[in-house]
C-alpha cells in the first residue's frame, strides 16, 4: 500500500513505476449506503450471517458527490462536482455466473440503481440469488431474494437482459444491455486473482418503477457499468 490510502470517504494514490505514474486524491461526501439493521445487515440481508457463503457483497454508497483530481501518466482528470458509487466484495471466490449493472447517470439526477443476479452455492446445490437497489429522491427501493421479491419475467440473449420484478405492490421493469467497449478486470479465482471480468462502462439500462396507481419513475441511460459473466443463459433459466 505504501503511501496509498483507501476508505469510503477518500482515496489517495501515489504510484510510480517505469510504465505507470498515478498521483492524486479524491474525496466522497454525502454517502448514501444501503441501510444496515439487525435483521437486514446490508444488501445481503440475513445471508450475510452465513459464514459459509462463497462471496459476500456490500454497498457502501448508492450515490455521493466527489471532489479532487488524479494525474495519470501526465494527464489530468478532474473529479470536482462528479458523482460516485462504492461497493465491495470479499470471501473465497466470485460466483460461477453473474449479471451485474450499475448507474447513477440518468436524466433524473436523484436516481441510482444497482442490480445483480448470480449463481449462489448452497449446501449441495445452488440457486439464483439477486440484489436490486433503487435510490430515488431520498427513497430506497429494495428487490431482493430475501424480501419476498418475485421474478415475474426474465429473458436473455447474448447482449441484452430483460427482468421484471414484483415486491408487494411495486413492479420494476429492467432492460440491461452490454456496451461496445469493455475493460478487463482482475477478480478472485479459486487460487489467485486473475483477469476474468469484462466490464462495459457504456452499457444501457432502461428502468420503469410502478404500482397499481401508475408510473412512479421511468428513465434510461447509455452510461452504465455492465457485466455478464459465465454461463448467463444457465443462470437465467435457474432464475425462472
C-alpha atoms as a PDB file:
ATOM      1  CA  UNK A   1       0.000   0.000   0.000  1.00  0.00           C
ATOM      2  CA  UNK A   2       2.828   2.401   0.811  1.00  0.00           C
ATOM      3  CA  UNK A   3       1.508   5.962   0.904  1.00  0.00           C
ATOM      4  CA  UNK A   4      -1.714   4.960  -0.877  1.00  0.00           C
ATOM      5  CA  UNK A   5      -4.917   5.152   1.150  1.00  0.00           C
ATOM      6  CA  UNK A   6      -8.418   3.777   0.558  1.00  0.00           C
ATOM      7  CA  UNK A   7     -11.638   4.353   2.542  1.00  0.00           C
ATOM      8  CA  UNK A   8     -15.271   5.032   1.730  1.00  0.00           C
ATOM      9  CA  UNK A   9     -14.651   8.777   2.179  1.00  0.00           C
ATOM     10  CA  UNK A  10     -11.284   9.184   0.472  1.00  0.00           C
ATOM     11  CA  UNK A  11      -8.706   7.626  -1.832  1.00  0.00           C
ATOM     12  CA  UNK A  12      -5.088   8.804  -2.074  1.00  0.00           C
ATOM     13  CA  UNK A  13      -2.991   7.406  -4.908  1.00  0.00           C
ATOM     14  CA  UNK A  14       0.808   7.602  -5.085  1.00  0.00           C
ATOM     15  CA  UNK A  15       2.003   5.014  -7.603  1.00  0.00           C
ATOM     16  CA  UNK A  16       5.125   5.349  -9.701  1.00  0.00           C
ATOM     17  CA  UNK A  17       6.951   2.823 -11.877  1.00  0.00           C
ATOM     18  CA  UNK A  18       8.716   2.776 -15.244  1.00  0.00           C
ATOM     19  CA  UNK A  19       5.415   2.414 -17.118  1.00  0.00           C
ATOM     20  CA  UNK A  20       2.898   3.969 -14.746  1.00  0.00           C
ATOM     21  CA  UNK A  21       2.503   7.164 -12.731  1.00  0.00           C
ATOM     22  CA  UNK A  22      -0.727   7.812 -10.823  1.00  0.00           C
ATOM     23  CA  UNK A  23      -0.965  10.527  -8.189  1.00  0.00           C
ATOM     24  CA  UNK A  24      -3.845  12.411  -6.591  1.00  0.00           C
ATOM     25  CA  UNK A  25      -6.692  12.428  -4.132  1.00  0.00           C
ATOM     26  CA  UNK A  26     -10.466  12.080  -4.489  1.00  0.00           C
ATOM     27  CA  UNK A  27     -12.938  12.556  -1.640  1.00  0.00           C
ATOM     28  CA  UNK A  28     -16.566  11.429  -1.339  1.00  0.00           C
ATOM     29  CA  UNK A  29     -19.246  13.354   0.549  1.00  0.00           C
ATOM     30  CA  UNK A  30     -22.893  12.751   1.446  1.00  0.00           C
ATOM     31  CA  UNK A  31     -22.680   8.975   1.084  1.00  0.00           C
ATOM     32  CA  UNK A  32     -25.939   7.026   0.793  1.00  0.00           C
ATOM     33  CA  UNK A  33     -25.230   3.460   1.975  1.00  0.00           C
ATOM     34  CA  UNK A  34     -27.573   0.500   1.732  1.00  0.00           C
ATOM     35  CA  UNK A  35     -29.401   0.578   5.109  1.00  0.00           C
ATOM     36  CA  UNK A  36     -27.993  -1.718   7.794  1.00  0.00           C
ATOM     37  CA  UNK A  37     -30.183  -3.163  10.556  1.00  0.00           C
ATOM     38  CA  UNK A  38     -30.034  -6.221  12.793  1.00  0.00           C
ATOM     39  CA  UNK A  39     -32.355  -8.222  10.556  1.00  0.00           C
ATOM     40  CA  UNK A  40     -31.018  -6.757   7.311  1.00  0.00           C
ATOM     41  CA  UNK A  41     -27.284  -6.182   7.785  1.00  0.00           C
ATOM     42  CA  UNK A  42     -26.759  -4.635   4.375  1.00  0.00           C
ATOM     43  CA  UNK A  43     -27.661  -5.670   0.846  1.00  0.00           C
ATOM     44  CA  UNK A  44     -27.243  -9.423   1.504  1.00  0.00           C
ATOM     45  CA  UNK A  45     -29.877  -9.478   4.222  1.00  0.00           C
ATOM     46  CA  UNK A  46     -29.702 -12.440   6.615  1.00  0.00           C
ATOM     47  CA  UNK A  47     -27.399 -14.299   4.188  1.00  0.00           C
ATOM     48  CA  UNK A  48     -24.635 -12.009   5.492  1.00  0.00           C
ATOM     49  CA  UNK A  49     -24.723 -14.016   8.737  1.00  0.00           C
ATOM     50  CA  UNK A  50     -23.969 -17.323   6.958  1.00  0.00           C
ATOM     51  CA  UNK A  51     -20.200 -17.908   7.318  1.00  0.00           C
ATOM     52  CA  UNK A  52     -20.021 -20.496   4.532  1.00  0.00           C
ATOM     53  CA  UNK A  53     -21.134 -18.117   1.777  1.00  0.00           C
ATOM     54  CA  UNK A  54     -18.706 -18.165  -1.142  1.00  0.00           C
ATOM     55  CA  UNK A  55     -18.851 -14.417  -1.723  1.00  0.00           C
ATOM     56  CA  UNK A  56     -20.013 -11.507   0.423  1.00  0.00           C
ATOM     57  CA  UNK A  57     -21.215  -8.231  -1.057  1.00  0.00           C
ATOM     58  CA  UNK A  58     -21.602  -4.785   0.469  1.00  0.00           C
ATOM     59  CA  UNK A  59     -22.883  -1.489  -0.928  1.00  0.00           C
ATOM     60  CA  UNK A  60     -21.175   1.414   0.838  1.00  0.00           C
ATOM     61  CA  UNK A  61     -22.827   4.190  -1.133  1.00  0.00           C
ATOM     62  CA  UNK A  62     -25.520   4.231  -3.803  1.00  0.00           C
ATOM     63  CA  UNK A  63     -24.685   7.822  -4.678  1.00  0.00           C
ATOM     64  CA  UNK A  64     -22.455  10.648  -3.444  1.00  0.00           C
ATOM     65  CA  UNK A  65     -20.620  13.775  -4.593  1.00  0.00           C
ATOM     66  CA  UNK A  66     -16.927  13.834  -5.488  1.00  0.00           C
ATOM     67  CA  UNK A  67     -14.067  16.301  -5.180  1.00  0.00           C
ATOM     68  CA  UNK A  68     -10.400  16.135  -6.131  1.00  0.00           C
ATOM     69  CA  UNK A  69      -8.219  15.179  -9.077  1.00  0.00           C
ATOM     70  CA  UNK A  70      -5.950  12.395 -10.368  1.00  0.00           C
ATOM     71  CA  UNK A  71      -2.827  12.671 -12.543  1.00  0.00           C
ATOM     72  CA  UNK A  72      -2.447   9.582 -14.754  1.00  0.00           C
ATOM     73  CA  UNK A  73       0.727   9.370 -16.862  1.00  0.00           C
ATOM     74  CA  UNK A  74       0.745  13.124 -17.333  1.00  0.00           C
ATOM     75  CA  UNK A  75      -2.988  13.507 -17.998  1.00  0.00           C
ATOM     76  CA  UNK A  76      -5.163  15.418 -15.534  1.00  0.00           C
ATOM     77  CA  UNK A  77      -8.586  14.051 -14.512  1.00  0.00           C
ATOM     78  CA  UNK A  78     -10.828  16.408 -12.545  1.00  0.00           C
ATOM     79  CA  UNK A  79     -13.497  14.851 -10.287  1.00  0.00           C
ATOM     80  CA  UNK A  80     -14.865  18.124  -8.872  1.00  0.00           C
ATOM     81  CA  UNK A  81     -18.659  18.031  -8.915  1.00  0.00           C
ATOM     82  CA  UNK A  82     -18.731  14.398 -10.022  1.00  0.00           C
ATOM     83  CA  UNK A  83     -20.836  11.590  -8.591  1.00  0.00           C
ATOM     84  CA  UNK A  84     -19.791   8.200  -7.325  1.00  0.00           C
ATOM     85  CA  UNK A  85     -20.874   4.729  -6.245  1.00  0.00           C
ATOM     86  CA  UNK A  86     -18.994   2.337  -3.922  1.00  0.00           C
ATOM     87  CA  UNK A  87     -19.410  -1.385  -3.349  1.00  0.00           C
ATOM     88  CA  UNK A  88     -17.137  -4.120  -2.051  1.00  0.00           C
ATOM     89  CA  UNK A  89     -16.788  -7.895  -2.243  1.00  0.00           C
ATOM     90  CA  UNK A  90     -14.927 -10.330  -0.030  1.00  0.00           C
ATOM     91  CA  UNK A  91     -14.820 -14.063   0.596  1.00  0.00           C
ATOM     92  CA  UNK A  92     -13.340 -17.129  -1.128  1.00  0.00           C
ATOM     93  CA  UNK A  93     -14.399 -16.707  -4.753  1.00  0.00           C
ATOM     94  CA  UNK A  94     -16.681 -14.849  -7.138  1.00  0.00           C
ATOM     95  CA  UNK A  95     -19.846 -16.610  -8.314  1.00  0.00           C
ATOM     96  CA  UNK A  96     -19.645 -19.025 -11.239  1.00  0.00           C
ATOM     97  CA  UNK A  97     -22.124 -16.963 -13.283  1.00  0.00           C
ATOM     98  CA  UNK A  98     -23.471 -13.459 -12.812  1.00  0.00           C
ATOM     99  CA  UNK A  99     -25.094 -10.377 -14.288  1.00  0.00           C
ATOM    100  CA  UNK A 100     -24.300  -7.019 -12.702  1.00  0.00           C
ATOM    101  CA  UNK A 101     -25.190  -3.463 -13.679  1.00  0.00           C
ATOM    102  CA  UNK A 102     -24.961  -0.066 -12.024  1.00  0.00           C
ATOM    103  CA  UNK A 103     -25.500   3.559 -12.927  1.00  0.00           C
ATOM    104  CA  UNK A 104     -26.279   6.914 -11.359  1.00  0.00           C
ATOM    105  CA  UNK A 105     -26.047   8.784 -14.653  1.00  0.00           C
ATOM    106  CA  UNK A 106     -29.681   9.250 -15.665  1.00  0.00           C
ATOM    107  CA  UNK A 107     -31.637  12.250 -16.883  1.00  0.00           C
ATOM    108  CA  UNK A 108     -33.009  12.366 -13.323  1.00  0.00           C
ATOM    109  CA  UNK A 109     -30.127  13.479 -11.093  1.00  0.00           C
ATOM    110  CA  UNK A 110     -31.730  11.933  -7.989  1.00  0.00           C
ATOM    111  CA  UNK A 111     -31.564   8.366  -9.299  1.00  0.00           C
ATOM    112  CA  UNK A 112     -29.132   5.492  -8.806  1.00  0.00           C
ATOM    113  CA  UNK A 113     -29.535   1.766  -9.390  1.00  0.00           C
ATOM    114  CA  UNK A 114     -27.530  -1.372  -8.748  1.00  0.00           C
ATOM    115  CA  UNK A 115     -28.719  -4.780  -9.920  1.00  0.00           C
ATOM    116  CA  UNK A 116     -27.131  -8.226  -9.711  1.00  0.00           C
ATOM    117  CA  UNK A 117     -28.174 -11.815 -10.350  1.00  0.00           C
ATOM    118  CA  UNK A 118     -25.752 -14.646  -9.556  1.00  0.00           C
ATOM    119  CA  UNK A 119     -25.385 -18.379  -9.056  1.00  0.00           C
ATOM    120  CA  UNK A 120     -25.147 -18.921  -5.289  1.00  0.00           C
ATOM    121  CA  UNK A 121     -23.775 -22.242  -3.971  1.00  0.00           C
ATOM    122  CA  UNK A 122     -25.969 -23.516  -1.129  1.00  0.00           C
ATOM    123  CA  UNK A 123     -25.113 -26.754   0.691  1.00  0.00           C
ATOM    124  CA  UNK A 124     -25.071 -29.415  -2.062  1.00  0.00           C
ATOM    125  CA  UNK A 125     -26.963 -27.371  -4.630  1.00  0.00           C
ATOM    126  CA  UNK A 126     -27.243 -23.757  -5.856  1.00  0.00           C
ATOM    127  CA  UNK A 127     -29.838 -21.078  -6.537  1.00  0.00           C
ATOM    128  CA  UNK A 128     -30.142 -17.804  -8.443  1.00  0.00           C
ATOM    129  CA  UNK A 129     -29.782 -15.028  -5.871  1.00  0.00           C
ATOM    130  CA  UNK A 130     -30.399 -11.383  -6.658  1.00  0.00           C
ATOM    131  CA  UNK A 131     -29.954  -7.914  -5.211  1.00  0.00           C
ATOM    132  CA  UNK A 132     -31.548  -4.835  -6.771  1.00  0.00           C
ATOM    133  CA  UNK A 133     -31.428  -1.445  -5.082  1.00  0.00           C
ATOM    134  CA  UNK A 134     -33.025   1.705  -6.448  1.00  0.00           C
ATOM    135  CA  UNK A 135     -32.313   5.060  -4.815  1.00  0.00           C
ATOM    136  CA  UNK A 136     -34.696   7.803  -5.933  1.00  0.00           C
ATOM    137  CA  UNK A 137     -35.353  11.181  -4.305  1.00  0.00           C
ATOM    138  CA  UNK A 138     -34.237  10.009  -0.836  1.00  0.00           C
ATOM    139  CA  UNK A 139     -36.336   6.828  -1.103  1.00  0.00           C
ATOM    140  CA  UNK A 140     -34.721   3.405  -1.174  1.00  0.00           C
ATOM    141  CA  UNK A 141     -36.480   0.580  -3.012  1.00  0.00           C
ATOM    142  CA  UNK A 142     -35.219  -2.985  -2.476  1.00  0.00           C
ATOM    143  CA  UNK A 143     -35.919  -6.006  -4.658  1.00  0.00           C
ATOM    144  CA  UNK A 144     -34.034  -8.992  -3.219  1.00  0.00           C
ATOM    145  CA  UNK A 145     -34.110 -12.754  -2.766  1.00  0.00           C
ATOM    146  CA  UNK A 146     -34.716 -12.420   0.962  1.00  0.00           C
ATOM    147  CA  UNK A 147     -37.568  -9.858   0.983  1.00  0.00           C
ATOM    148  CA  UNK A 148     -40.098 -11.956  -0.968  1.00  0.00           C
ATOM    149  CA  UNK A 149     -39.481 -10.319  -4.329  1.00  0.00           C
ATOM    150  CA  UNK A 150     -40.770 -12.449  -7.197  1.00  0.00           C
ATOM    151  CA  UNK A 151     -39.336 -12.671 -10.711  1.00  0.00           C
ATOM    152  CA  UNK A 152     -42.364 -12.333 -12.987  1.00  0.00           C
ATOM    153  CA  UNK A 153     -40.484 -12.462 -16.287  1.00  0.00           C
ATOM    154  CA  UNK A 154     -36.866 -12.882 -17.323  1.00  0.00           C
ATOM    155  CA  UNK A 155     -35.198 -13.115 -20.741  1.00  0.00           C
ATOM    156  CA  UNK A 156     -31.646 -13.035 -22.083  1.00  0.00           C
ATOM    157  CA  UNK A 157     -29.796 -13.080 -25.384  1.00  0.00           C
ATOM    158  CA  UNK A 158     -26.081 -12.587 -25.965  1.00  0.00           C
ATOM    159  CA  UNK A 159     -26.166  -8.836 -25.314  1.00  0.00           C
ATOM    160  CA  UNK A 160     -29.467  -7.914 -23.664  1.00  0.00           C
ATOM    161  CA  UNK A 161     -31.194  -8.908 -20.422  1.00  0.00           C
ATOM    162  CA  UNK A 162     -34.843  -8.198 -19.542  1.00  0.00           C
ATOM    163  CA  UNK A 163     -36.113  -8.637 -15.969  1.00  0.00           C
ATOM    164  CA  UNK A 164     -39.481  -7.915 -14.370  1.00  0.00           C
ATOM    165  CA  UNK A 165     -39.642  -7.981 -10.558  1.00  0.00           C
ATOM    166  CA  UNK A 166     -42.558  -7.693  -8.131  1.00  0.00           C
ATOM    167  CA  UNK A 167     -42.187  -6.733  -4.471  1.00  0.00           C
ATOM    168  CA  UNK A 168     -45.569  -6.434  -2.751  1.00  0.00           C
ATOM    169  CA  UNK A 169     -47.399  -3.721  -4.742  1.00  0.00           C
ATOM    170  CA  UNK A 170     -44.295  -2.485  -6.556  1.00  0.00           C
ATOM    171  CA  UNK A 171     -43.225  -3.586 -10.022  1.00  0.00           C
ATOM    172  CA  UNK A 172     -39.831  -2.952 -11.595  1.00  0.00           C
ATOM    173  CA  UNK A 173     -39.046  -3.475 -15.281  1.00  0.00           C
ATOM    174  CA  UNK A 174     -35.350  -3.570 -16.184  1.00  0.00           C
ATOM    175  CA  UNK A 175     -33.619  -3.879 -19.531  1.00  0.00           C
ATOM    176  CA  UNK A 176     -29.825  -4.144 -19.325  1.00  0.00           C
ATOM    177  CA  UNK A 177     -27.625  -4.190 -22.415  1.00  0.00           C
ATOM    178  CA  UNK A 178     -23.891  -4.565 -22.906  1.00  0.00           C
ATOM    179  CA  UNK A 179     -21.937  -1.665 -24.355  1.00  0.00           C
ATOM    180  CA  UNK A 180     -19.362  -1.729 -27.155  1.00  0.00           C
ATOM    181  CA  UNK A 181     -16.037  -1.488 -25.321  1.00  0.00           C
ATOM    182  CA  UNK A 182     -15.052  -3.468 -22.216  1.00  0.00           C
ATOM    183  CA  UNK A 183     -12.133  -3.293 -19.820  1.00  0.00           C
ATOM    184  CA  UNK A 184     -10.610  -6.458 -18.338  1.00  0.00           C
ATOM    185  CA  UNK A 185     -10.628  -6.547 -14.530  1.00  0.00           C
ATOM    186  CA  UNK A 186      -8.889  -8.889 -12.112  1.00  0.00           C
ATOM    187  CA  UNK A 187     -11.124 -10.971  -9.839  1.00  0.00           C
ATOM    188  CA  UNK A 188     -10.575 -13.820  -7.371  1.00  0.00           C
ATOM    189  CA  UNK A 189     -10.481 -17.376  -8.676  1.00  0.00           C
ATOM    190  CA  UNK A 190     -10.090 -20.489  -6.543  1.00  0.00           C
ATOM    191  CA  UNK A 191      -6.347 -19.893  -6.222  1.00  0.00           C
ATOM    192  CA  UNK A 192      -5.417 -16.316  -7.116  1.00  0.00           C
ATOM    193  CA  UNK A 193      -6.518 -13.012  -8.616  1.00  0.00           C
ATOM    194  CA  UNK A 194      -6.873 -13.472 -12.374  1.00  0.00           C
ATOM    195  CA  UNK A 195      -8.024 -11.283 -15.305  1.00  0.00           C
ATOM    196  CA  UNK A 196     -11.520 -12.632 -15.920  1.00  0.00           C
ATOM    197  CA  UNK A 197     -14.138  -9.846 -15.738  1.00  0.00           C
ATOM    198  CA  UNK A 198     -15.073  -7.947 -18.898  1.00  0.00           C
ATOM    199  CA  UNK A 199     -16.829  -4.797 -17.686  1.00  0.00           C
ATOM    200  CA  UNK A 200     -18.550  -2.340 -20.017  1.00  0.00           C
ATOM    201  CA  UNK A 201     -18.841   1.309 -18.972  1.00  0.00           C
ATOM    202  CA  UNK A 202     -21.002   2.267 -21.955  1.00  0.00           C
ATOM    203  CA  UNK A 203     -23.850  -0.138 -21.268  1.00  0.00           C
ATOM    204  CA  UNK A 204     -27.545   0.686 -21.406  1.00  0.00           C
ATOM    205  CA  UNK A 205     -30.167   0.492 -18.660  1.00  0.00           C
ATOM    206  CA  UNK A 206     -33.860   1.177 -19.090  1.00  0.00           C
ATOM    207  CA  UNK A 207     -35.996   1.069 -15.943  1.00  0.00           C
ATOM    208  CA  UNK A 208     -39.617   1.583 -15.012  1.00  0.00           C
ATOM    209  CA  UNK A 209     -40.935   1.543 -11.435  1.00  0.00           C
ATOM    210  CA  UNK A 210     -44.700   1.452 -10.972  1.00  0.00           C
ATOM    211  CA  UNK A 211     -47.611   0.264  -8.824  1.00  0.00           C
ATOM    212  CA  UNK A 212     -51.383  -0.040  -9.206  1.00  0.00           C
ATOM    213  CA  UNK A 213     -51.694   3.766  -9.204  1.00  0.00           C
ATOM    214  CA  UNK A 214     -49.375   4.236 -12.172  1.00  0.00           C
ATOM    215  CA  UNK A 215     -45.769   5.021 -13.062  1.00  0.00           C
ATOM    216  CA  UNK A 216     -43.522   6.225 -10.236  1.00  0.00           C
ATOM    217  CA  UNK A 217     -40.353   6.506 -12.283  1.00  0.00           C
ATOM    218  CA  UNK A 218     -39.203   5.818 -15.830  1.00  0.00           C
ATOM    219  CA  UNK A 219     -35.708   6.590 -17.118  1.00  0.00           C
ATOM    220  CA  UNK A 220     -32.785   5.236 -19.126  1.00  0.00           C
ATOM    221  CA  UNK A 221     -29.045   5.710 -19.519  1.00  0.00           C
ATOM    222  CA  UNK A 222     -26.314   4.877 -22.009  1.00  0.00           C
ATOM    223  CA  UNK A 223     -23.609   5.268 -19.333  1.00  0.00           C
ATOM    224  CA  UNK A 224     -23.997   2.129 -17.239  1.00  0.00           C
ATOM    225  CA  UNK A 225     -21.417  -0.320 -15.911  1.00  0.00           C
ATOM    226  CA  UNK A 226     -22.440  -3.801 -17.090  1.00  0.00           C
ATOM    227  CA  UNK A 227     -21.015  -7.296 -16.574  1.00  0.00           C
ATOM    228  CA  UNK A 228     -22.427 -10.578 -17.921  1.00  0.00           C
ATOM    229  CA  UNK A 229     -20.042 -13.341 -16.869  1.00  0.00           C
ATOM    230  CA  UNK A 230     -20.071 -17.127 -17.245  1.00  0.00           C
ATOM    231  CA  UNK A 231     -22.999 -19.180 -18.485  1.00  0.00           C
ATOM    232  CA  UNK A 232     -25.600 -16.434 -18.244  1.00  0.00           C
ATOM    233  CA  UNK A 233     -28.225 -18.481 -20.088  1.00  0.00           C
ATOM    234  CA  UNK A 234     -27.975 -21.201 -17.448  1.00  0.00           C
ATOM    235  CA  UNK A 235     -28.274 -18.581 -14.703  1.00  0.00           C
ATOM    236  CA  UNK A 236     -31.371 -17.023 -16.248  1.00  0.00           C
ATOM    237  CA  UNK A 237     -33.036 -20.435 -16.606  1.00  0.00           C
ATOM    238  CA  UNK A 238     -32.340 -21.090 -12.932  1.00  0.00           C
ATOM    239  CA  UNK A 239     -33.975 -17.759 -12.005  1.00  0.00           C
ATOM    240  CA  UNK A 240     -37.232 -18.550 -13.804  1.00  0.00           C
END
